Every structure is written in structure tokens, then in C-alpha cells.
Amino acid sequence: MNVRIKFFGMIAEAAEKELLIFEDFPGETLGELENTLLERLPQLKRYSYSLALNKKLSDSKTKLEADNEVAVLPPFAGG
């Protein structure tokens, strides 16, 4: 399955990119994708971030589907 990963804010700066595409990703969950991402970009281990799957904050057990879009979001404050 294809997965588009978008990086935002300081996470994009750390990753040195705003977009990464995994074609034919073999994993099934967001957690497996995160593990693969951290293997490829180990500098992200120093940062706090949230993952959103198809514009919805999600946890590591969330199942991936065809043509997913994942956002890697830096910490944010609301008010």
C-alpha cells in the first residue's frame, strides 16, 4: 500500500523534508509505519510528536488502508 507522510514545523526541519512517500509499504498499522519511519529518520527520536491518519489524530494500533496520508505533527498549544 502507498503511504504519504507529511512533516510539519520543527519535525519537518529535523527530517529535512516535508514529504516522504512509501510505495508498497508492507505494514498494517500506524505503529509499524512509525517504527519504519524512525529507522529511516532516527533523529526524530529526540522529538515529541503526534501522528494523524487521514487528518485524524490516531494511535499506534490504528489500521492502515490503501492510499493513506499520515501527518507528523509537532507539539501544539491551544486555547
N, C-alpha and C. Protein backbone atom coordinates (compact mmCIF):
# COMPACT_ATOMS: atom_id res chain seq x y z
N MET A 1 0.83 -1.17 0.00
CA MET A 1 0.00 0.00 0.00
C MET A 1 0.88 1.24 0.00
N ASN A 2 0.41 2.30 -0.61
CA ASN A 2 1.15 3.54 -0.66
C ASN A 2 0.77 4.42 0.53
N VAL A 3 1.77 5.05 1.13
CA VAL A 3 1.55 5.93 2.27
C VAL A 3 2.33 7.23 2.04
N ARG A 4 1.62 8.34 2.12
CA ARG A 4 2.25 9.67 2.03
C ARG A 4 2.41 10.19 3.45
N ILE A 5 3.61 10.62 3.79
CA ILE A 5 3.89 11.14 5.13
C ILE A 5 4.28 12.60 4.99
N LYS A 6 3.53 13.47 5.67
CA LYS A 6 3.81 14.89 5.65
C LYS A 6 4.37 15.30 7.01
N PHE A 7 5.42 16.10 6.98
CA PHE A 7 6.06 16.58 8.19
C PHE A 7 5.76 18.07 8.34
N PHE A 8 5.57 18.52 9.59
CA PHE A 8 5.23 19.91 9.84
C PHE A 8 6.13 20.51 10.91
N GLY A 9 6.33 21.83 10.82
CA GLY A 9 7.06 22.59 11.83
C GLY A 9 8.46 22.07 12.08
N MET A 10 8.81 22.02 13.37
CA MET A 10 10.18 21.60 13.72
C MET A 10 10.45 20.15 13.35
N ILE A 11 9.41 19.35 13.20
CA ILE A 11 9.60 17.96 12.78
C ILE A 11 10.07 17.93 11.31
N ALA A 12 9.52 18.81 10.47
CA ALA A 12 9.97 18.90 9.08
C ALA A 12 11.42 19.37 9.02
N GLU A 13 11.78 20.30 9.90
CA GLU A 13 13.17 20.76 9.94
C GLU A 13 14.10 19.62 10.35
N ALA A 14 13.72 18.85 11.36
CA ALA A 14 14.55 17.73 11.81
C ALA A 14 14.66 16.65 10.74
N ALA A 15 13.56 16.38 10.05
CA ALA A 15 13.55 15.36 9.00
C ALA A 15 14.23 15.85 7.72
N GLU A 16 14.40 17.17 7.63
CA GLU A 16 14.97 17.80 6.43
C GLU A 16 14.15 17.51 5.19
N LYS A 17 12.84 17.41 5.39
CA LYS A 17 11.91 17.21 4.28
C LYS A 17 10.50 17.47 4.78
N GLU A 18 9.62 17.75 3.85
CA GLU A 18 8.21 17.97 4.19
C GLU A 18 7.33 16.81 3.74
N LEU A 19 7.87 15.95 2.89
CA LEU A 19 7.07 14.84 2.36
C LEU A 19 7.95 13.63 2.13
N LEU A 20 7.41 12.48 2.49
CA LEU A 20 8.07 11.19 2.24
C LEU A 20 6.98 10.23 1.78
N ILE A 21 7.26 9.48 0.74
CA ILE A 21 6.27 8.52 0.23
C ILE A 21 6.86 7.13 0.32
N PHE A 22 6.10 6.24 0.97
CA PHE A 22 6.45 4.82 0.99
C PHE A 22 5.53 4.13 -0.01
N GLU A 23 6.11 3.59 -1.06
CA GLU A 23 5.33 2.81 -2.02
C GLU A 23 5.40 1.36 -1.61
N ASP A 24 4.30 0.69 -1.67
CA ASP A 24 4.20 -0.73 -1.31
C ASP A 24 4.66 -0.99 0.13
N PHE A 25 4.22 -0.14 1.07
CA PHE A 25 4.56 -0.35 2.47
C PHE A 25 3.93 -1.66 2.94
N PRO A 26 4.73 -2.57 3.53
CA PRO A 26 4.21 -3.89 3.88
C PRO A 26 3.48 -3.94 5.23
N GLY A 27 3.57 -2.90 6.04
CA GLY A 27 2.97 -2.94 7.37
C GLY A 27 1.46 -2.78 7.34
N GLU A 28 0.86 -3.02 8.52
CA GLU A 28 -0.59 -2.95 8.63
C GLU A 28 -1.08 -1.87 9.58
N THR A 29 -0.22 -1.38 10.48
CA THR A 29 -0.66 -0.42 11.48
C THR A 29 0.18 0.85 11.45
N LEU A 30 -0.36 1.87 12.08
CA LEU A 30 0.36 3.14 12.18
C LEU A 30 1.63 2.95 13.01
N GLY A 31 1.62 2.08 14.00
CA GLY A 31 2.80 1.79 14.81
C GLY A 31 3.92 1.18 13.98
N GLU A 32 3.58 0.28 13.07
CA GLU A 32 4.60 -0.31 12.18
C GLU A 32 5.19 0.76 11.27
N LEU A 33 4.34 1.65 10.80
CA LEU A 33 4.82 2.74 9.96
C LEU A 33 5.76 3.65 10.77
N GLU A 34 5.39 3.96 12.00
CA GLU A 34 6.24 4.80 12.84
C GLU A 34 7.60 4.15 13.09
N ASN A 35 7.63 2.86 13.35
CA ASN A 35 8.90 2.15 13.54
C ASN A 35 9.78 2.24 12.30
N THR A 36 9.19 2.07 11.14
CA THR A 36 9.93 2.17 9.88
C THR A 36 10.44 3.59 9.68
N LEU A 37 9.61 4.55 10.02
CA LEU A 37 9.99 5.95 9.89
C LEU A 37 11.17 6.28 10.80
N LEU A 38 11.15 5.79 12.03
CA LEU A 38 12.23 6.06 12.97
C LEU A 38 13.52 5.35 12.58
N GLU A 39 13.42 4.21 11.93
CA GLU A 39 14.62 3.55 11.40
C GLU A 39 15.25 4.38 10.29
N ARG A 40 14.41 4.98 9.49
CA ARG A 40 14.88 5.77 8.35
C ARG A 40 15.33 7.17 8.75
N LEU A 41 14.68 7.73 9.76
CA LEU A 41 14.99 9.09 10.23
C LEU A 41 15.19 9.05 11.74
N PRO A 42 16.29 8.46 12.23
CA PRO A 42 16.47 8.29 13.67
C PRO A 42 16.54 9.60 14.46
N GLN A 43 16.81 10.72 13.81
CA GLN A 43 16.85 11.99 14.50
C GLN A 43 15.49 12.39 15.08
N LEU A 44 14.42 11.79 14.58
CA LEU A 44 13.09 12.11 15.10
C LEU A 44 12.86 11.56 16.50
N LYS A 45 13.69 10.63 16.93
CA LYS A 45 13.54 10.04 18.27
C LYS A 45 13.72 11.09 19.37
N ARG A 46 14.37 12.21 19.06
CA ARG A 46 14.61 13.26 20.05
C ARG A 46 13.43 14.20 20.22
N TYR A 47 12.39 14.03 19.43
CA TYR A 47 11.27 14.97 19.42
C TYR A 47 9.97 14.32 19.88
N SER A 48 9.11 15.15 20.45
CA SER A 48 7.74 14.73 20.73
C SER A 48 6.91 15.08 19.50
N TYR A 49 6.01 14.22 19.15
CA TYR A 49 5.15 14.48 18.01
C TYR A 49 3.90 13.63 18.11
N SER A 50 2.91 13.98 17.33
CA SER A 50 1.67 13.21 17.22
C SER A 50 1.52 12.77 15.78
N LEU A 51 0.80 11.68 15.59
CA LEU A 51 0.53 11.18 14.25
C LEU A 51 -0.96 11.31 13.95
N ALA A 52 -1.24 11.81 12.78
CA ALA A 52 -2.63 11.90 12.33
C ALA A 52 -2.74 11.05 11.05
N LEU A 53 -3.75 10.23 11.01
CA LEU A 53 -4.01 9.39 9.84
C LEU A 53 -5.25 9.93 9.15
N ASN A 54 -5.06 10.34 7.90
CA ASN A 54 -6.16 10.92 7.12
C ASN A 54 -6.87 12.03 7.88
N LYS A 55 -6.05 12.93 8.46
CA LYS A 55 -6.49 14.15 9.15
C LYS A 55 -7.17 13.90 10.49
N LYS A 56 -6.91 12.74 11.10
CA LYS A 56 -7.49 12.42 12.41
C LYS A 56 -6.38 11.89 13.30
N LEU A 57 -6.18 12.52 14.48
CA LEU A 57 -5.16 12.03 15.40
C LEU A 57 -5.43 10.56 15.70
N SER A 58 -4.39 9.75 15.66
CA SER A 58 -4.56 8.30 15.78
C SER A 58 -3.46 7.70 16.64
N ASP A 59 -3.71 6.49 17.14
CA ASP A 59 -2.69 5.80 17.94
C ASP A 59 -2.03 4.71 17.12
N SER A 60 -1.04 4.07 17.73
CA SER A 60 -0.21 3.11 17.01
C SER A 60 -0.96 1.85 16.56
N LYS A 61 -2.11 1.57 17.15
CA LYS A 61 -2.87 0.37 16.79
C LYS A 61 -3.80 0.60 15.60
N THR A 62 -3.90 1.83 15.13
CA THR A 62 -4.80 2.15 14.03
C THR A 62 -4.35 1.44 12.75
N LYS A 63 -5.29 0.78 12.11
CA LYS A 63 -5.01 0.04 10.87
C LYS A 63 -4.86 0.99 9.69
N LEU A 64 -3.87 0.72 8.86
CA LEU A 64 -3.67 1.47 7.63
C LEU A 64 -4.55 0.90 6.54
N GLU A 65 -4.95 1.77 5.62
CA GLU A 65 -5.73 1.35 4.47
C GLU A 65 -5.02 1.86 3.22
N ALA A 66 -5.54 1.52 2.06
CA ALA A 66 -4.92 1.95 0.81
C ALA A 66 -4.86 3.47 0.72
N ASP A 67 -3.76 3.97 0.19
CA ASP A 67 -3.56 5.40 -0.08
C ASP A 67 -3.80 6.27 1.15
N ASN A 68 -3.09 5.97 2.23
CA ASN A 68 -3.18 6.75 3.45
C ASN A 68 -2.34 8.01 3.36
N GLU A 69 -2.74 9.01 4.15
CA GLU A 69 -1.92 10.20 4.34
C GLU A 69 -1.70 10.34 5.83
N VAL A 70 -0.42 10.36 6.21
CA VAL A 70 -0.05 10.48 7.62
C VAL A 70 0.63 11.82 7.81
N ALA A 71 0.22 12.54 8.85
CA ALA A 71 0.85 13.80 9.20
C ALA A 71 1.64 13.58 10.49
N VAL A 72 2.88 14.06 10.53
CA VAL A 72 3.71 14.01 11.73
C VAL A 72 3.71 15.44 12.26
N LEU A 73 3.03 15.62 13.40
CA LEU A 73 2.75 16.95 13.92
C LEU A 73 3.58 17.26 15.16
N PRO A 74 4.19 18.44 15.23
CA PRO A 74 4.91 18.83 16.43
C PRO A 74 3.92 19.13 17.55
N PRO A 75 4.42 19.24 18.79
CA PRO A 75 3.52 19.61 19.89
C PRO A 75 2.87 20.97 19.58
N PHE A 76 1.64 21.12 20.00
CA PHE A 76 0.97 22.40 19.77
C PHE A 76 0.13 22.73 20.99
N ALA A 77 -0.09 24.02 21.17
CA ALA A 77 -0.87 24.50 22.29
C ALA A 77 -2.15 25.11 21.73
N GLY A 78 -3.19 24.94 22.46
CA GLY A 78 -4.46 25.52 22.04
C GLY A 78 -5.03 26.40 23.13
N GLY A 79 -6.04 27.10 22.79
CA GLY A 79 -6.58 27.96 23.83
C GLY A 79 -7.90 28.52 23.48
